[in-house]
Protein backbone atom coordinates (compact mmCIF):
# COMPACT_ATOMS: atom_id res chain seq x y z
CA MET A 1 -53.97 292.09 2.98
CA TYR A 2 -57.73 291.95 3.38
CA GLY A 3 -60.53 289.85 1.68
CA TYR A 4 -60.33 287.25 -0.73
CA ASN A 5 -58.30 286.87 -3.71
CA SER A 6 -59.55 285.96 -7.41
CA LEU A 7 -59.68 282.24 -6.30
CA GLY A 8 -61.90 283.13 -3.34
CA TYR A 9 -59.17 282.57 -0.64
CA ASP A 10 -57.72 285.02 2.14
CA ARG A 11 -54.06 285.62 3.09
CA HIS A 12 -54.04 282.49 4.93
CA GLY A 13 -55.62 280.24 2.19
CA TYR A 14 -59.09 279.71 3.43
CA ASN A 15 -62.44 280.13 1.44
CA ARG A 16 -65.35 281.90 2.59
CA GLN A 17 -66.49 278.66 3.88
CA GLY A 18 -63.35 278.19 5.97
CA TYR A 19 -61.64 275.59 3.80
CA ASP A 20 -58.23 275.52 2.10
CA LYS A 21 -57.51 274.51 -1.39
CA ASP A 22 -57.59 270.80 -0.27
CA GLY A 23 -60.86 271.04 1.49
CA TYR A 24 -59.62 271.48 5.05
CA ASN A 25 -60.78 273.82 7.68
CA ILE A 26 -59.02 275.57 10.42
CA SER A 27 -59.37 272.71 12.91
CA GLY A 28 -57.76 270.10 10.63
CA PHE A 29 -60.84 268.45 9.37
CA ASP A 30 -62.85 268.26 5.86
CA ILE A 31 -66.16 268.93 5.28
CA SER A 32 -67.11 265.27 5.99
CA GLY A 33 -65.09 265.32 9.20
CA ASN A 34 -62.20 263.52 8.19
CA PRO A 35 -58.99 264.48 9.62
CA ASP A 36 -56.18 266.06 8.02
CA HIS A 37 -53.41 263.20 6.90
CA ARG A 38 -51.21 265.42 4.36
CA GLY A 39 -48.28 265.63 6.99
CA ILE A 40 -48.02 269.44 6.46
CA TYR A 41 -48.37 270.25 10.18
CA ASN A 42 -46.04 268.53 12.67
CA LYS A 43 -47.64 267.12 16.01
CA TYR A 44 -47.77 270.18 17.78
CA GLY A 45 -49.54 271.75 14.80
CA PHE A 46 -46.97 273.73 13.05
CA ASN A 47 -45.89 273.70 9.33
CA ARG A 48 -42.05 273.81 8.41
CA GLU A 49 -42.23 277.61 8.03
CA GLY A 50 -43.27 277.85 11.78
CA PHE A 51 -46.90 278.45 11.26
CA SER A 52 -50.05 276.90 12.39
CA ARG A 53 -53.37 276.15 10.91
CA THR A 54 -54.51 279.71 11.91
CA GLY A 55 -51.60 281.23 9.66
CA PHE A 56 -49.82 282.81 12.65
CA ASP A 57 -46.76 281.47 14.46
CA SER A 58 -46.54 280.80 18.14
CA ILE A 59 -46.11 284.29 18.78
CA GLY A 60 -48.96 285.67 16.51
CA ILE A 61 -47.14 286.70 13.62
CA ASP A 62 -48.20 285.41 10.10
CA GLN A 63 -45.77 285.02 7.10
CA PHE A 64 -46.63 288.51 6.03
CA GLY A 65 -45.59 289.97 9.07
CA PHE A 66 -48.74 290.91 10.59
CA PHE A 67 -49.82 290.12 14.33
CA ASN A 68 -53.24 288.65 14.77
CA ASP A 69 -54.46 292.08 16.02
CA SER A 70 -53.98 293.28 12.15
CA PHE A 71 -50.87 295.50 12.67
CA ASN A 72 -47.18 294.82 11.69
CA LEU A 73 -43.82 294.97 13.34
CA ASP A 74 -44.04 298.48 12.63
CA ASN A 75 -47.26 298.76 13.89
CA PHE A 76 -49.17 299.71 10.83
CA ASP A 77 -52.09 297.91 9.32
CA PRO A 78 -52.21 296.55 5.81
CA SER A 79 -53.83 299.78 4.95
CA GLY A 80 -50.83 301.88 6.37
CA TYR A 81 -52.36 303.33 9.30
CA ASP A 82 -50.89 302.98 12.96
CA ILE A 83 -52.90 302.11 16.06
CA THR A 84 -53.84 305.51 16.72
CA GLY A 85 -55.13 305.67 13.12
CA TYR A 86 -52.77 307.89 11.29
CA ASN A 87 -50.04 306.90 8.34
CA ARG A 88 -46.45 307.55 8.04
CA TYR A 89 -47.32 311.15 6.86
CA GLY A 90 -49.41 312.05 10.06
CA PHE A 91 -52.99 311.66 8.29
CA ASN A 92 -55.71 309.74 9.76
CA ARG A 93 -58.21 307.91 7.40
CA GLN A 94 -60.50 311.39 6.67
CA MET A 95 -57.15 313.01 5.30
CA TYR A 96 -56.56 315.30 8.53
CA THR A 97 -53.33 315.38 10.75
CA PRO A 98 -53.94 315.59 14.49
CA TYR A 99 -53.71 319.53 14.20
CA GLY A 100 -56.68 319.60 11.55
CA TYR A 101 -54.52 320.08 8.62
CA HIS A 102 -56.11 318.48 5.28
CA THR A 103 -54.12 316.71 2.65
CA ASN A 104 -55.78 319.22 0.02
CA GLY A 105 -53.71 322.16 1.76
CA SER A 106 -56.42 323.29 3.85
CA PHE A 107 -57.31 323.17 7.68
CA HIS A 108 -60.45 321.96 9.43
CA PRO A 109 -62.72 324.96 9.83
CA ASP A 110 -62.81 324.49 13.83
CA VAL A 111 -59.06 325.07 13.70
CA ASN A 112 -57.47 328.57 14.64
CA VAL A 113 -54.39 328.29 12.52
CA ALA A 114 -52.81 331.78 13.62
CA SER A 115 -52.98 330.09 17.36
CA LEU A 116 -50.98 327.00 16.09
CA GLY A 117 -47.59 328.04 15.27
CA LEU A 118 -46.66 324.57 14.03
CA PHE A 119 -44.48 325.97 11.26
CA ASP A 120 -41.66 328.59 10.83
CA SER A 121 -41.39 331.10 7.96
CA LYS A 122 -40.42 328.26 5.26
CA GLY A 123 -43.18 325.87 6.41
CA TYR A 124 -41.05 323.65 8.56
CA ASN A 125 -41.76 322.22 12.15
CA LYS A 126 -39.50 322.03 14.88
CA TYR A 127 -38.46 318.47 13.58
CA GLY A 128 -37.70 319.82 9.90
CA TYR A 129 -40.72 318.33 8.17
CA ASN A 130 -43.31 320.16 6.64
CA ALA A 131 -47.15 320.02 6.65
CA ASN A 132 -47.13 317.04 4.20
CA GLY A 133 -44.32 315.23 6.17
CA PHE A 134 -41.32 315.56 4.07
CA ASP A 135 -38.01 317.29 5.03
CA ARG A 136 -36.26 320.28 3.17
CA ASN A 137 -34.62 317.38 1.01
CA GLY A 138 -38.20 315.94 0.23
CA TYR A 139 -37.78 312.87 2.07
CA ASP A 140 -40.40 311.58 4.65
CA ILE A 141 -39.60 310.08 8.43
CA PHE A 142 -38.27 306.87 6.85
CA GLY A 143 -36.51 308.25 4.40
CA PHE A 144 -37.96 308.19 1.03
CA THR A 145 -39.68 310.73 -1.37
CA SER A 146 -43.27 311.07 -2.67
CA LYS A 147 -42.44 308.65 -5.44
CA GLY A 148 -40.96 306.14 -2.85
CA TYR A 149 -37.31 306.43 -3.34
CA ASP A 150 -34.40 306.92 -0.97
CA ASN A 151 -31.38 308.66 -1.42
CA ARG A 152 -29.70 305.79 -3.43
CA VAL A 153 -32.81 305.87 -5.97
CA CYS A 154 -33.81 302.73 -4.27
CA ASN A 155 -37.65 301.61 -3.65
CA PHE A 156 -37.38 298.37 -1.87
CA TYR A 157 -38.09 299.45 1.72
CA PHE A 158 -40.70 301.99 0.61
CA ASN A 159 -43.53 299.75 2.25
CA GLY A 160 -41.41 298.63 5.36
CA PRO A 161 -40.22 297.05 7.29
CA PHE A 162 -39.28 300.17 8.71
CA HIS A 163 -37.71 298.19 11.95
CA VAL A 164 -34.92 297.35 9.92
CA LEU A 165 -34.22 300.75 8.17
CA VAL A 166 -34.37 301.72 12.20
CA LYS A 167 -31.99 299.32 13.34
CA HIS A 168 -29.56 300.21 10.68
CA ARG A 169 -29.57 303.92 11.72
CA VAL A 170 -29.06 303.18 15.20
CA ALA A 171 -26.26 300.31 14.57
CA THR A 172 -24.78 303.43 12.12
CA THR A 173 -24.83 305.74 15.10
CA LEU A 174 -23.35 303.72 17.66
CA SER A 175 -20.38 302.73 15.18
CA THR A 176 -19.22 306.31 15.33
CA LEU A 177 -19.67 306.20 19.18
CA ASN A 178 -16.32 306.27 21.50
CA THR A 179 -16.03 303.37 23.89
CA SER A 180 -16.63 305.68 27.04
CA THR A 181 -19.96 306.87 25.47
CA LEU A 182 -21.20 303.34 24.85
CA SER A 183 -20.42 302.05 28.41
CA GLY A 184 -22.43 305.14 29.59
CA ILE A 185 -25.63 303.37 27.55
CA SER A 186 -27.67 301.26 30.08
CA ARG A 187 -28.98 298.07 29.13
CA ILE A 188 -33.02 297.70 28.66
CA CYS A 189 -33.04 294.33 26.84
CA PRO A 190 -33.18 291.17 29.09
CA GLN A 191 -30.22 288.65 29.25
CA VAL A 192 -29.93 286.19 26.64
CA THR A 193 -31.94 282.66 27.45
CA PRO A 194 -32.14 279.40 25.77
CA LEU A 195 -34.63 278.98 23.16
CA PRO A 196 -38.35 279.27 24.48
CA GLU A 197 -39.81 275.58 24.27
CA GLN A 198 -42.55 277.03 21.96
CA ILE A 199 -39.93 277.84 19.38
CA ILE A 200 -38.52 274.29 19.33
CA TYR A 201 -42.06 272.76 18.55
CA GLN A 202 -42.86 275.64 16.17
CA ASP A 203 -39.51 275.14 14.06
CA TRP A 204 -39.73 271.30 14.13
CA PHE A 205 -36.32 271.11 16.07
CA ASP A 206 -37.97 268.27 18.29
CA ARG A 207 -38.46 266.01 15.42
CA GLN A 208 -39.92 263.24 17.45
CA GLY A 209 -40.03 260.68 14.45
CA GLN A 210 -41.25 262.82 11.76
CA ARG A 211 -37.81 262.96 10.10
CA SER A 212 -39.70 261.26 7.08
CA THR A 213 -42.20 263.54 6.97
CA LEU A 214 -39.92 266.46 6.74
CA TYR A 215 -38.25 264.71 3.81
CA ASP A 216 -41.23 263.87 2.18
CA LEU A 217 -42.47 267.55 2.16
CA TYR A 218 -39.13 269.15 1.44
């Protein structure tokens, strides 16, 4: 997700000089200062997919699901580390967990292993995961083995988006609850409101005489 591809363009389509394949920069001008008349972006600066010249939509997400702070909807960066610096298995970039356990099976020299009391006699913590982040059936917290497969031998969501899996699990759990239990759950989401104005502009709902441009492009 970082850097440039074999043709010299970054993930948003700009080269090291800041120009796209047609020679236009993020401000919509070519190297000679001529404006972009390709009609790819609407009058509000968004293309048909809802992304601006920066590569992000109006709430700061790009087509790959990453925010402009480089973290995705699951709060992982392109290298697989969350905002605290740990990956899905609990290891940081130095390959240590917060408790000093290394992926090679050793502990940091400064750690008093005996005083930790993290794992039971079988090697699992109170959440049911071993030191490498897998449960007794060999699945990580998102339900995948070290080979990347879930219990259906499917690897489609191994690299995310994980929030889809969480939503499915929550929906499945809610479907098993009775009405009285459900009625006791407090609503934490805001009430449904009309579409924000920026979504109308971003997704070309406000055509403003651009219908012919849409037909030409798509």
